[in-house]
Amino acid sequence: MVTALAVAAGDAGLYFPYLLSGGWDGKLCLWDLHNHSLQNAFSSLPEDNGPILDMAYSPKRREFAFSSSTGRVFICAFNPHCAELVLLAELCGHKAAVVALVWHPLEDKWVSGAEDGSIRLWSEDGGCCVQNLRASRGITCLCIDQVNGCILAGVHDTIRVYDPNSGVQVQSYTGHQDSVKGLIHVPEMEQYVSVSLDGTVCMWKAYRPGEQLATQVRW
């Protein structure tokens, strides 16, 4: 089963013709999107890294990170012409499987979420954890608000919005009847879009700083 995907993109939104993928088999692959072919399967993966659960790409640093069921997160250099994996850092701290991973383009930080309800923000080089947030239940997915920089987290059937600096929850959205498995922000529409195991796709009014903390109704 393929469990993680990340497209390589430049700082100005310029897309490279490459797609990274990770799977339940613990393998990491690079695909050439122009030729619709496998570019290479990375070697030298960490021992016992377990199934790969999520991936993220940093256009600023031209690095990518992937998370595993063992609670480990690895940051690697992105070089489409080298089949050997170049590990730059390992993020340690989660006590459960890291199921969600994103790059925060406004804060220049990696953000990871785990099944134990922890959300951690890491320095861009992966040298240290700079913020540790806690949710009431396990994290199911993560997303970054591209306008205000807030962190959106699927926490079972609820979407919770956190200020990345204070760590305070500033908004929540309810309406799904099962785990939220995917989140995106559409800045042009001022909306969040979520998908859930209940079989629904929902659109929500995006959070604006200064709004009163309250459960929102989906559009």
N, C-alpha and C. Protein backbone atom coordinates (compact mmCIF):
# COMPACT_ATOMS: atom_id res chain seq x y z
N MET A 1 0.83 -1.20 0.00
CA MET A 1 0.00 0.00 0.00
C MET A 1 0.87 1.25 0.00
N VAL A 2 0.58 2.18 -0.91
CA VAL A 2 1.25 3.47 -0.93
C VAL A 2 0.58 4.35 0.12
N THR A 3 1.36 4.87 1.05
CA THR A 3 0.81 5.60 2.19
C THR A 3 1.25 7.05 2.25
N ALA A 4 2.19 7.48 1.41
CA ALA A 4 2.70 8.85 1.49
C ALA A 4 3.16 9.33 0.12
N LEU A 5 2.86 10.61 -0.20
CA LEU A 5 3.26 11.22 -1.45
C LEU A 5 3.72 12.66 -1.20
N ALA A 6 4.69 13.12 -1.98
CA ALA A 6 5.14 14.51 -1.92
C ALA A 6 5.68 14.91 -3.28
N VAL A 7 5.23 16.04 -3.79
CA VAL A 7 5.72 16.57 -5.06
C VAL A 7 6.81 17.59 -4.79
N ALA A 8 7.90 17.51 -5.52
CA ALA A 8 8.99 18.48 -5.39
C ALA A 8 8.59 19.78 -6.09
N ALA A 9 8.71 20.90 -5.38
CA ALA A 9 8.34 22.19 -5.94
C ALA A 9 9.35 23.24 -5.53
N GLY A 10 9.58 24.23 -6.40
CA GLY A 10 10.53 25.30 -6.11
C GLY A 10 9.91 26.39 -5.27
N ASP A 11 10.73 27.36 -4.88
CA ASP A 11 10.28 28.47 -4.03
C ASP A 11 9.16 29.27 -4.68
N ALA A 12 9.21 29.45 -5.96
CA ALA A 12 8.21 30.27 -6.65
C ALA A 12 7.02 29.43 -7.13
N GLY A 13 6.89 28.21 -6.62
CA GLY A 13 5.81 27.34 -7.04
C GLY A 13 6.13 26.55 -8.29
N LEU A 14 7.38 26.67 -8.78
CA LEU A 14 7.79 25.93 -9.96
C LEU A 14 7.95 24.45 -9.61
N TYR A 15 7.25 23.62 -10.34
CA TYR A 15 7.27 22.19 -10.04
C TYR A 15 8.37 21.48 -10.81
N PHE A 16 9.14 20.69 -10.09
CA PHE A 16 10.08 19.80 -10.73
C PHE A 16 9.29 18.57 -11.18
N PRO A 17 9.78 17.84 -12.15
CA PRO A 17 9.01 16.70 -12.65
C PRO A 17 9.19 15.44 -11.80
N TYR A 18 9.12 15.58 -10.48
CA TYR A 18 9.40 14.43 -9.63
C TYR A 18 8.35 14.29 -8.53
N LEU A 19 8.05 13.03 -8.24
CA LEU A 19 7.13 12.68 -7.17
C LEU A 19 7.81 11.67 -6.25
N LEU A 20 7.77 11.94 -4.96
CA LEU A 20 8.30 11.01 -3.95
C LEU A 20 7.16 10.19 -3.40
N SER A 21 7.41 8.92 -3.16
CA SER A 21 6.36 8.07 -2.58
C SER A 21 6.97 7.12 -1.56
N GLY A 22 6.17 6.82 -0.56
CA GLY A 22 6.56 5.86 0.47
C GLY A 22 5.43 4.90 0.71
N GLY A 23 5.76 3.71 1.21
CA GLY A 23 4.73 2.70 1.37
C GLY A 23 4.78 1.92 2.65
N TRP A 24 3.80 1.06 2.78
CA TRP A 24 3.71 0.18 3.95
C TRP A 24 4.87 -0.80 3.98
N ASP A 25 5.49 -1.01 2.82
CA ASP A 25 6.63 -1.93 2.75
C ASP A 25 7.92 -1.26 3.22
N GLY A 26 7.86 0.03 3.61
CA GLY A 26 9.04 0.73 4.10
C GLY A 26 9.95 1.24 3.00
N LYS A 27 9.54 1.09 1.73
CA LYS A 27 10.37 1.54 0.61
C LYS A 27 10.08 3.00 0.27
N LEU A 28 11.10 3.64 -0.32
CA LEU A 28 11.02 5.05 -0.70
C LEU A 28 11.40 5.16 -2.17
N CYS A 29 10.50 5.72 -2.99
CA CYS A 29 10.72 5.76 -4.43
C CYS A 29 10.61 7.19 -4.97
N LEU A 30 11.30 7.41 -6.10
CA LEU A 30 11.24 8.68 -6.81
C LEU A 30 10.77 8.43 -8.22
N TRP A 31 9.78 9.21 -8.66
CA TRP A 31 9.15 9.00 -9.96
C TRP A 31 9.36 10.21 -10.86
N ASP A 32 9.61 9.94 -12.12
CA ASP A 32 9.72 10.98 -13.15
C ASP A 32 8.33 11.19 -13.74
N LEU A 33 7.74 12.35 -13.46
CA LEU A 33 6.37 12.60 -13.90
C LEU A 33 6.28 12.89 -15.39
N HIS A 34 7.36 13.39 -15.97
CA HIS A 34 7.34 13.67 -17.42
C HIS A 34 7.29 12.38 -18.23
N ASN A 35 8.09 11.41 -17.78
CA ASN A 35 8.17 10.15 -18.52
C ASN A 35 7.30 9.05 -17.93
N HIS A 36 6.60 9.38 -16.83
CA HIS A 36 5.72 8.40 -16.18
C HIS A 36 6.47 7.12 -15.84
N SER A 37 7.65 7.31 -15.24
CA SER A 37 8.48 6.14 -14.96
C SER A 37 9.15 6.26 -13.60
N LEU A 38 9.62 5.14 -13.10
CA LEU A 38 10.36 5.10 -11.84
C LEU A 38 11.77 5.62 -12.09
N GLN A 39 12.14 6.70 -11.38
CA GLN A 39 13.48 7.25 -11.49
C GLN A 39 14.48 6.40 -10.71
N ASN A 40 14.18 6.15 -9.46
CA ASN A 40 14.99 5.24 -8.65
C ASN A 40 14.27 4.87 -7.36
N ALA A 41 14.73 3.80 -6.76
CA ALA A 41 14.28 3.37 -5.43
C ALA A 41 15.45 3.61 -4.50
N PHE A 42 15.27 4.47 -3.50
CA PHE A 42 16.38 4.86 -2.65
C PHE A 42 16.94 3.69 -1.85
N SER A 43 18.25 3.67 -1.76
CA SER A 43 18.93 2.67 -0.94
C SER A 43 19.41 3.35 0.34
N SER A 44 20.02 2.57 1.19
CA SER A 44 20.59 3.06 2.45
C SER A 44 19.54 3.65 3.38
N LEU A 45 18.33 3.09 3.36
CA LEU A 45 17.33 3.54 4.32
C LEU A 45 17.71 3.10 5.73
N PRO A 46 17.29 3.86 6.75
CA PRO A 46 17.60 3.47 8.14
C PRO A 46 17.08 2.08 8.44
N GLU A 47 17.82 1.36 9.25
CA GLU A 47 17.39 0.01 9.64
C GLU A 47 16.14 0.09 10.50
N ASP A 48 15.24 -0.85 10.27
CA ASP A 48 14.01 -0.95 11.06
C ASP A 48 13.22 0.35 11.06
N ASN A 49 13.20 1.05 9.92
CA ASN A 49 12.44 2.29 9.88
C ASN A 49 10.94 2.05 9.87
N GLY A 50 10.51 0.82 9.52
CA GLY A 50 9.10 0.48 9.52
C GLY A 50 8.36 1.09 8.36
N PRO A 51 7.04 0.89 8.30
CA PRO A 51 6.24 1.47 7.23
C PRO A 51 6.35 2.99 7.22
N ILE A 52 6.41 3.57 6.02
CA ILE A 52 6.43 5.03 5.88
C ILE A 52 4.99 5.53 5.86
N LEU A 53 4.68 6.46 6.77
CA LEU A 53 3.30 6.90 6.95
C LEU A 53 2.99 8.25 6.32
N ASP A 54 3.98 9.14 6.20
CA ASP A 54 3.73 10.42 5.57
C ASP A 54 5.04 11.03 5.10
N MET A 55 4.93 12.05 4.21
CA MET A 55 6.11 12.70 3.66
C MET A 55 5.82 14.18 3.48
N ALA A 56 6.88 14.98 3.45
CA ALA A 56 6.75 16.42 3.18
C ALA A 56 8.01 16.90 2.49
N TYR A 57 7.88 17.98 1.71
CA TYR A 57 9.00 18.53 0.96
C TYR A 57 9.19 20.00 1.31
N SER A 58 10.44 20.43 1.49
CA SER A 58 10.76 21.82 1.75
C SER A 58 11.39 22.44 0.51
N PRO A 59 10.67 23.33 -0.20
CA PRO A 59 11.25 23.96 -1.39
C PRO A 59 12.39 24.91 -1.04
N LYS A 60 12.34 25.52 0.14
CA LYS A 60 13.40 26.43 0.54
C LYS A 60 14.73 25.71 0.68
N ARG A 61 14.71 24.54 1.33
CA ARG A 61 15.93 23.81 1.63
C ARG A 61 16.23 22.70 0.62
N ARG A 62 15.27 22.43 -0.28
CA ARG A 62 15.39 21.31 -1.21
C ARG A 62 15.71 20.03 -0.43
N GLU A 63 14.89 19.79 0.57
CA GLU A 63 14.98 18.61 1.41
C GLU A 63 13.59 18.01 1.55
N PHE A 64 13.56 16.74 1.89
CA PHE A 64 12.27 16.11 2.18
C PHE A 64 12.39 15.32 3.47
N ALA A 65 11.25 15.09 4.09
CA ALA A 65 11.22 14.33 5.34
C ALA A 65 10.17 13.24 5.21
N PHE A 66 10.41 12.14 5.90
CA PHE A 66 9.39 11.09 5.94
C PHE A 66 9.29 10.55 7.35
N SER A 67 8.08 10.12 7.70
CA SER A 67 7.82 9.62 9.05
C SER A 67 7.49 8.13 9.00
N SER A 68 7.68 7.48 10.13
CA SER A 68 7.49 6.03 10.17
C SER A 68 6.60 5.61 11.33
N SER A 69 6.20 4.36 11.29
CA SER A 69 5.34 3.80 12.34
C SER A 69 6.08 3.65 13.66
N THR A 70 7.40 3.78 13.63
CA THR A 70 8.19 3.64 14.85
C THR A 70 8.29 4.95 15.63
N GLY A 71 7.69 6.03 15.11
CA GLY A 71 7.76 7.32 15.77
C GLY A 71 8.96 8.15 15.35
N ARG A 72 9.72 7.67 14.38
CA ARG A 72 10.91 8.38 13.91
C ARG A 72 10.59 9.20 12.67
N VAL A 73 11.26 10.35 12.54
CA VAL A 73 11.14 11.21 11.37
C VAL A 73 12.54 11.50 10.85
N PHE A 74 12.73 11.35 9.55
CA PHE A 74 14.05 11.53 8.94
C PHE A 74 14.00 12.66 7.92
N ILE A 75 14.98 13.55 7.96
CA ILE A 75 15.14 14.61 6.97
C ILE A 75 16.26 14.22 6.03
N CYS A 76 16.01 14.35 4.72
CA CYS A 76 16.98 13.90 3.71
C CYS A 76 17.18 14.97 2.65
N ALA A 77 18.36 14.97 2.06
CA ALA A 77 18.65 15.87 0.94
C ALA A 77 17.91 15.36 -0.30
N PHE A 78 17.40 16.30 -1.10
CA PHE A 78 16.72 15.91 -2.32
C PHE A 78 17.67 16.03 -3.50
N ASN A 79 18.00 14.91 -4.08
CA ASN A 79 18.85 14.87 -5.26
C ASN A 79 18.28 13.81 -6.20
N PRO A 80 17.57 14.23 -7.24
CA PRO A 80 16.91 13.26 -8.11
C PRO A 80 17.86 12.38 -8.91
N HIS A 81 19.14 12.73 -8.92
CA HIS A 81 20.10 11.97 -9.72
C HIS A 81 20.95 11.02 -8.88
N CYS A 82 20.62 10.91 -7.60
CA CYS A 82 21.38 10.03 -6.72
C CYS A 82 20.43 9.04 -6.07
N ALA A 83 20.72 7.75 -6.25
CA ALA A 83 19.86 6.70 -5.71
C ALA A 83 20.15 6.41 -4.24
N GLU A 84 21.27 6.91 -3.74
CA GLU A 84 21.60 6.67 -2.34
C GLU A 84 20.97 7.76 -1.47
N LEU A 85 20.24 7.34 -0.45
CA LEU A 85 19.56 8.28 0.43
C LEU A 85 20.59 9.00 1.31
N VAL A 86 20.51 10.33 1.33
CA VAL A 86 21.43 11.14 2.14
C VAL A 86 20.67 11.68 3.34
N LEU A 87 20.87 11.05 4.51
CA LEU A 87 20.20 11.47 5.73
C LEU A 87 20.90 12.67 6.34
N LEU A 88 20.12 13.69 6.69
CA LEU A 88 20.67 14.91 7.27
C LEU A 88 20.36 15.03 8.76
N ALA A 89 19.19 14.54 9.17
CA ALA A 89 18.81 14.66 10.58
C ALA A 89 17.71 13.66 10.89
N GLU A 90 17.60 13.30 12.17
CA GLU A 90 16.51 12.47 12.65
C GLU A 90 15.79 13.22 13.77
N LEU A 91 14.47 13.32 13.65
CA LEU A 91 13.67 14.02 14.65
C LEU A 91 13.14 13.00 15.65
N CYS A 92 13.56 13.10 16.87
CA CYS A 92 13.19 12.15 17.91
C CYS A 92 12.39 12.85 19.00
N GLY A 93 11.36 12.21 19.49
CA GLY A 93 10.57 12.80 20.56
C GLY A 93 9.18 12.23 20.66
N HIS A 94 8.60 11.87 19.53
CA HIS A 94 7.27 11.26 19.58
C HIS A 94 7.34 9.87 20.18
N LYS A 95 6.30 9.49 20.92
CA LYS A 95 6.25 8.19 21.58
C LYS A 95 5.32 7.22 20.86
N ALA A 96 4.79 7.63 19.72
CA ALA A 96 3.88 6.78 18.95
C ALA A 96 4.12 7.02 17.47
N ALA A 97 3.42 6.28 16.64
CA ALA A 97 3.58 6.40 15.19
C ALA A 97 3.29 7.81 14.73
N VAL A 98 4.18 8.37 13.89
CA VAL A 98 4.01 9.71 13.32
C VAL A 98 3.23 9.57 12.02
N VAL A 99 1.96 9.95 12.05
CA VAL A 99 1.07 9.71 10.92
C VAL A 99 0.93 10.93 10.02
N ALA A 100 1.40 12.11 10.46
CA ALA A 100 1.22 13.33 9.68
C ALA A 100 2.48 14.18 9.73
N LEU A 101 2.84 14.75 8.58
CA LEU A 101 4.08 15.51 8.48
C LEU A 101 3.90 16.59 7.41
N VAL A 102 4.23 17.86 7.75
CA VAL A 102 4.13 18.95 6.78
C VAL A 102 5.31 19.90 6.97
N TRP A 103 5.60 20.66 5.92
CA TRP A 103 6.57 21.75 5.99
C TRP A 103 5.79 23.05 6.15
N HIS A 104 6.17 23.87 7.14
CA HIS A 104 5.49 25.14 7.38
C HIS A 104 6.23 26.24 6.61
N PRO A 105 5.68 26.72 5.49
CA PRO A 105 6.41 27.67 4.64
C PRO A 105 6.51 29.07 5.22
N LEU A 106 5.65 29.43 6.15
CA LEU A 106 5.68 30.76 6.74
C LEU A 106 6.60 30.82 7.96
N GLU A 107 6.75 29.71 8.65
CA GLU A 107 7.60 29.65 9.84
C GLU A 107 8.94 28.97 9.57
N ASP A 108 9.08 28.37 8.38
CA ASP A 108 10.28 27.60 8.04
C ASP A 108 10.57 26.54 9.11
N LYS A 109 9.58 25.70 9.34
CA LYS A 109 9.69 24.64 10.33
C LYS A 109 9.03 23.37 9.79
N TRP A 110 9.49 22.24 10.28
CA TRP A 110 8.82 20.97 10.05
C TRP A 110 7.77 20.80 11.15
N VAL A 111 6.63 20.23 10.80
CA VAL A 111 5.57 19.97 11.78
C VAL A 111 5.17 18.51 11.67
N SER A 112 5.14 17.83 12.80
CA SER A 112 4.79 16.41 12.80
C SER A 112 3.68 16.13 13.81
N GLY A 113 2.84 15.17 13.50
CA GLY A 113 1.75 14.79 14.39
C GLY A 113 1.70 13.28 14.57
N ALA A 114 1.41 12.83 15.79
CA ALA A 114 1.48 11.41 16.10
C ALA A 114 0.17 10.88 16.70
N GLU A 115 0.10 9.56 16.76
CA GLU A 115 -1.10 8.91 17.28
C GLU A 115 -1.31 9.12 18.77
N ASP A 116 -0.27 9.62 19.47
CA ASP A 116 -0.42 9.89 20.90
C ASP A 116 -0.99 11.29 21.16
N GLY A 117 -1.37 12.01 20.10
CA GLY A 117 -1.96 13.33 20.25
C GLY A 117 -0.95 14.46 20.30
N SER A 118 0.32 14.18 20.08
CA SER A 118 1.34 15.21 20.13
C SER A 118 1.56 15.83 18.75
N ILE A 119 1.77 17.16 18.73
CA ILE A 119 2.13 17.90 17.53
C ILE A 119 3.42 18.63 17.85
N ARG A 120 4.45 18.39 17.09
CA ARG A 120 5.75 19.01 17.37
C ARG A 120 6.19 19.87 16.20
N LEU A 121 6.73 21.05 16.53
CA LEU A 121 7.34 21.93 15.55
C LEU A 121 8.85 21.84 15.72
N TRP A 122 9.55 21.69 14.60
CA TRP A 122 11.00 21.49 14.62
C TRP A 122 11.69 22.61 13.85
N SER A 123 12.89 22.94 14.28
CA SER A 123 13.69 23.91 13.54
C SER A 123 13.90 23.41 12.13
N GLU A 124 14.15 24.34 11.20
CA GLU A 124 14.21 23.94 9.79
C GLU A 124 15.33 22.95 9.48
N ASP A 125 16.39 22.95 10.28
CA ASP A 125 17.47 21.99 10.07
C ASP A 125 17.26 20.71 10.85
N GLY A 126 16.14 20.64 11.59
CA GLY A 126 15.85 19.45 12.37
C GLY A 126 16.67 19.32 13.63
N GLY A 127 17.35 20.39 14.02
CA GLY A 127 18.24 20.32 15.17
C GLY A 127 17.54 20.22 16.50
N CYS A 128 16.33 20.77 16.61
CA CYS A 128 15.65 20.75 17.90
C CYS A 128 14.16 20.93 17.73
N CYS A 129 13.41 20.52 18.75
CA CYS A 129 11.97 20.74 18.81
C CYS A 129 11.75 22.12 19.45
N VAL A 130 11.01 22.98 18.78
CA VAL A 130 10.82 24.34 19.28
C VAL A 130 9.43 24.56 19.86
N GLN A 131 8.51 23.63 19.65
CA GLN A 131 7.16 23.75 20.20
C GLN A 131 6.54 22.37 20.27
N ASN A 132 5.85 22.10 21.38
CA ASN A 132 5.21 20.81 21.58
C ASN A 132 3.76 21.04 21.98
N LEU A 133 2.82 20.69 21.10
CA LEU A 133 1.40 20.88 21.35
C LEU A 133 0.77 19.54 21.69
N ARG A 134 -0.35 19.60 22.41
CA ARG A 134 -1.03 18.38 22.79
C ARG A 134 -2.50 18.46 22.41
N ALA A 135 -2.99 17.39 21.79
CA ALA A 135 -4.41 17.28 21.47
C ALA A 135 -5.03 16.20 22.35
N SER A 136 -6.35 16.21 22.43
CA SER A 136 -7.05 15.29 23.33
C SER A 136 -7.03 13.85 22.82
N ARG A 137 -6.85 13.68 21.50
CA ARG A 137 -6.81 12.35 20.90
C ARG A 137 -5.71 12.33 19.84
N GLY A 138 -5.54 11.17 19.21
CA GLY A 138 -4.50 11.02 18.22
C GLY A 138 -4.70 11.90 17.00
N ILE A 139 -3.58 12.36 16.43
CA ILE A 139 -3.62 13.18 15.23
C ILE A 139 -3.85 12.27 14.02
N THR A 140 -4.72 12.70 13.11
CA THR A 140 -4.99 11.90 11.91
C THR A 140 -4.45 12.56 10.64
N CYS A 141 -4.27 13.89 10.64
CA CYS A 141 -3.71 14.60 9.49
C CYS A 141 -3.35 16.02 9.91
N LEU A 142 -2.54 16.69 9.09
CA LEU A 142 -2.10 18.05 9.36
C LEU A 142 -2.18 18.89 8.10
N CYS A 143 -2.32 20.21 8.28
CA CYS A 143 -2.33 21.15 7.17
C CYS A 143 -1.92 22.51 7.72
N ILE A 144 -1.34 23.37 6.85
CA ILE A 144 -0.95 24.71 7.24
C ILE A 144 -1.85 25.73 6.56
N ASP A 145 -2.38 26.68 7.33
CA ASP A 145 -3.11 27.80 6.75
C ASP A 145 -2.08 28.70 6.06
N GLN A 146 -2.18 28.83 4.74
CA GLN A 146 -1.17 29.54 3.97
C GLN A 146 -1.23 31.06 4.15
N VAL A 147 -2.27 31.57 4.82
CA VAL A 147 -2.42 33.01 5.02
C VAL A 147 -1.95 33.43 6.41
N ASN A 148 -2.50 32.80 7.45
CA ASN A 148 -2.17 33.22 8.82
C ASN A 148 -1.17 32.32 9.52
N GLY A 149 -0.80 31.20 8.88
CA GLY A 149 0.22 30.33 9.45
C GLY A 149 -0.26 29.38 10.52
N CYS A 150 -1.56 29.35 10.80
CA CYS A 150 -2.07 28.43 11.82
C CYS A 150 -1.91 26.98 11.38
N ILE A 151 -1.84 26.09 12.36
CA ILE A 151 -1.72 24.66 12.11
C ILE A 151 -3.09 24.02 12.27
N LEU A 152 -3.54 23.34 11.21
CA LEU A 152 -4.80 22.60 11.27
C LEU A 152 -4.48 21.14 11.52
N ALA A 153 -5.21 20.55 12.45
CA ALA A 153 -4.99 19.14 12.78
C ALA A 153 -6.31 18.40 12.80
N GLY A 154 -6.34 17.25 12.12
CA GLY A 154 -7.46 16.35 12.27
C GLY A 154 -7.26 15.58 13.57
N VAL A 155 -8.18 15.73 14.50
CA VAL A 155 -8.13 15.02 15.79
C VAL A 155 -9.40 14.19 15.86
N HIS A 156 -9.29 12.95 15.40
CA HIS A 156 -10.44 12.07 15.21
C HIS A 156 -11.44 12.75 14.28
N ASP A 157 -12.66 13.06 14.74
CA ASP A 157 -13.68 13.62 13.85
C ASP A 157 -13.76 15.14 13.90
N THR A 158 -12.79 15.78 14.56
CA THR A 158 -12.79 17.23 14.74
C THR A 158 -11.56 17.86 14.11
N ILE A 159 -11.74 19.05 13.52
CA ILE A 159 -10.61 19.82 13.01
C ILE A 159 -10.28 20.89 14.04
N ARG A 160 -9.05 20.90 14.51
CA ARG A 160 -8.64 21.88 15.50
C ARG A 160 -7.55 22.77 14.90
N VAL A 161 -7.64 24.07 15.19
CA VAL A 161 -6.72 25.06 14.65
C VAL A 161 -5.88 25.63 15.78
N TYR A 162 -4.54 25.61 15.60
CA TYR A 162 -3.62 26.05 16.64
C TYR A 162 -2.77 27.21 16.15
N ASP A 163 -2.53 28.17 17.04
CA ASP A 163 -1.56 29.22 16.77
C ASP A 163 -0.17 28.62 16.91
N PRO A 164 0.70 28.72 15.90
CA PRO A 164 2.00 28.04 15.96
C PRO A 164 2.97 28.65 16.96
N ASN A 165 2.75 29.89 17.36
CA ASN A 165 3.66 30.55 18.29
C ASN A 165 3.29 30.33 19.75
N SER A 166 2.01 30.50 20.06
CA SER A 166 1.57 30.32 21.44
C SER A 166 1.20 28.88 21.75
N GLY A 167 0.86 28.12 20.71
CA GLY A 167 0.42 26.75 20.92
C GLY A 167 -1.02 26.64 21.35
N VAL A 168 -1.74 27.76 21.40
CA VAL A 168 -3.12 27.79 21.86
C VAL A 168 -4.08 27.41 20.74
N GLN A 169 -5.09 26.59 21.08
CA GLN A 169 -6.13 26.30 20.10
C GLN A 169 -7.00 27.54 19.92
N VAL A 170 -7.19 27.97 18.68
CA VAL A 170 -7.92 29.20 18.40
C VAL A 170 -9.26 28.95 17.71
N GLN A 171 -9.48 27.74 17.25
CA GLN A 171 -10.73 27.44 16.56
C GLN A 171 -10.92 25.93 16.48
N SER A 172 -12.16 25.50 16.31
CA SER A 172 -12.45 24.09 16.07
C SER A 172 -13.64 23.98 15.13
N TYR A 173 -13.68 22.87 14.39
CA TYR A 173 -14.75 22.62 13.43
C TYR A 173 -15.26 21.20 13.64
N THR A 174 -16.56 21.05 13.81
CA THR A 174 -17.15 19.73 13.99
C THR A 174 -18.25 19.51 12.96
N GLY A 175 -18.51 18.26 12.65
CA GLY A 175 -19.53 17.92 11.67
C GLY A 175 -19.30 16.55 11.06
N HIS A 176 -18.03 16.11 10.99
CA HIS A 176 -17.75 14.76 10.50
C HIS A 176 -18.17 13.73 11.54
N GLN A 177 -18.49 12.55 11.06
CA GLN A 177 -18.93 11.47 11.95
C GLN A 177 -17.86 10.40 12.15
N ASP A 178 -16.70 10.58 11.53
CA ASP A 178 -15.60 9.62 11.67
C ASP A 178 -14.29 10.38 11.47
N SER A 179 -13.18 9.68 11.53
CA SER A 179 -11.86 10.31 11.51
C SER A 179 -11.65 11.16 10.25
N VAL A 180 -11.09 12.35 10.46
CA VAL A 180 -10.71 13.23 9.36
C VAL A 180 -9.36 12.76 8.84
N LYS A 181 -9.29 12.39 7.58
CA LYS A 181 -8.07 11.78 7.03
C LYS A 181 -7.29 12.70 6.10
N GLY A 182 -7.86 13.84 5.73
CA GLY A 182 -7.15 14.75 4.84
C GLY A 182 -7.67 16.16 4.97
N LEU A 183 -6.74 17.15 4.88
CA LEU A 183 -7.09 18.57 4.99
C LEU A 183 -6.28 19.38 3.98
N ILE A 184 -6.92 20.35 3.33
CA ILE A 184 -6.20 21.31 2.51
C ILE A 184 -6.79 22.70 2.76
N HIS A 185 -5.97 23.72 2.50
CA HIS A 185 -6.43 25.10 2.58
C HIS A 185 -6.48 25.65 1.17
N VAL A 186 -7.60 26.30 0.83
CA VAL A 186 -7.76 26.95 -0.47
C VAL A 186 -7.81 28.45 -0.20
N PRO A 187 -6.66 29.15 -0.24
CA PRO A 187 -6.63 30.57 0.12
C PRO A 187 -7.54 31.44 -0.73
N GLU A 188 -7.62 31.14 -2.04
CA GLU A 188 -8.42 31.96 -2.94
C GLU A 188 -9.90 31.96 -2.57
N MET A 189 -10.35 30.87 -1.97
CA MET A 189 -11.75 30.75 -1.58
C MET A 189 -11.97 30.99 -0.09
N GLU A 190 -10.87 31.21 0.64
CA GLU A 190 -10.92 31.37 2.10
C GLU A 190 -11.66 30.18 2.72
N GLN A 191 -11.25 28.99 2.31
CA GLN A 191 -11.91 27.77 2.77
C GLN A 191 -10.89 26.70 3.14
N TYR A 192 -11.31 25.83 4.03
CA TYR A 192 -10.63 24.57 4.28
C TYR A 192 -11.49 23.46 3.68
N VAL A 193 -10.85 22.43 3.19
CA VAL A 193 -11.57 21.26 2.67
C VAL A 193 -11.08 20.04 3.41
N SER A 194 -12.00 19.23 3.89
CA SER A 194 -11.64 18.04 4.65
C SER A 194 -12.33 16.81 4.08
N VAL A 195 -11.65 15.67 4.22
CA VAL A 195 -12.24 14.38 3.84
C VAL A 195 -12.17 13.45 5.04
N SER A 196 -13.15 12.58 5.15
CA SER A 196 -13.27 11.75 6.35
C SER A 196 -13.62 10.31 5.98
N LEU A 197 -13.37 9.42 6.93
CA LEU A 197 -13.76 8.02 6.77
C LEU A 197 -15.27 7.85 6.78
N ASP A 198 -16.03 8.91 7.09
CA ASP A 198 -17.49 8.81 7.01
C ASP A 198 -17.98 8.94 5.57
N GLY A 199 -17.03 9.12 4.63
CA GLY A 199 -17.38 9.18 3.22
C GLY A 199 -17.79 10.54 2.72
N THR A 200 -17.56 11.59 3.52
CA THR A 200 -17.96 12.93 3.12
C THR A 200 -16.75 13.83 2.86
N VAL A 201 -16.96 14.82 2.00
CA VAL A 201 -16.01 15.91 1.76
C VAL A 201 -16.70 17.19 2.21
N CYS A 202 -16.06 17.94 3.11
CA CYS A 202 -16.69 19.15 3.66
C CYS A 202 -15.83 20.37 3.38
N MET A 203 -16.51 21.51 3.21
CA MET A 203 -15.83 22.80 3.05
C MET A 203 -16.19 23.68 4.24
N TRP A 204 -15.18 24.39 4.76
CA TRP A 204 -15.36 25.19 5.96
C TRP A 204 -14.83 26.60 5.73
N LYS A 205 -15.46 27.58 6.36
CA LYS A 205 -14.94 28.94 6.32
C LYS A 205 -13.62 28.99 7.06
N ALA A 206 -12.58 29.49 6.40
CA ALA A 206 -11.25 29.52 7.01
C ALA A 206 -11.22 30.45 8.22
N TYR A 207 -10.40 30.08 9.18
CA TYR A 207 -10.26 30.87 10.41
C TYR A 207 -9.56 32.20 10.12
N ARG A 208 -10.05 33.25 10.74
CA ARG A 208 -9.40 34.56 10.68
C ARG A 208 -9.01 34.97 12.08
N PRO A 209 -7.77 35.37 12.31
CA PRO A 209 -7.35 35.80 13.65
C PRO A 209 -8.27 36.89 14.19
N GLY A 210 -8.62 36.75 15.46
CA GLY A 210 -9.53 37.70 16.09
C GLY A 210 -10.95 37.19 16.18
N GLU A 211 -11.26 36.12 15.43
CA GLU A 211 -12.59 35.54 15.53
C GLU A 211 -12.77 34.88 16.89
N GLN A 212 -13.99 34.89 17.38
CA GLN A 212 -14.28 34.26 18.66
C GLN A 212 -14.13 32.75 18.54
N LEU A 213 -13.53 32.13 19.56
CA LEU A 213 -13.37 30.68 19.57
C LEU A 213 -14.74 30.03 19.62
N ALA A 214 -15.05 29.29 18.60
CA ALA A 214 -16.37 28.65 18.54
C ALA A 214 -16.35 27.57 17.48
N THR A 215 -17.23 26.59 17.65
CA THR A 215 -17.35 25.55 16.64
C THR A 215 -18.02 26.14 15.40
N GLN A 216 -17.45 25.87 14.23
CA GLN A 216 -17.96 26.43 13.00
C GLN A 216 -18.87 25.43 12.28
N VAL A 217 -19.73 25.96 11.47
CA VAL A 217 -20.63 25.14 10.66
C VAL A 217 -20.05 25.01 9.27
N ARG A 218 -20.10 23.83 8.70
CA ARG A 218 -19.54 23.62 7.36
C ARG A 218 -20.42 24.30 6.32
N TRP A 219 -19.81 24.65 5.19
CA TRP A 219 -20.54 25.28 4.08
C TRP A 219 -21.17 24.21 3.20
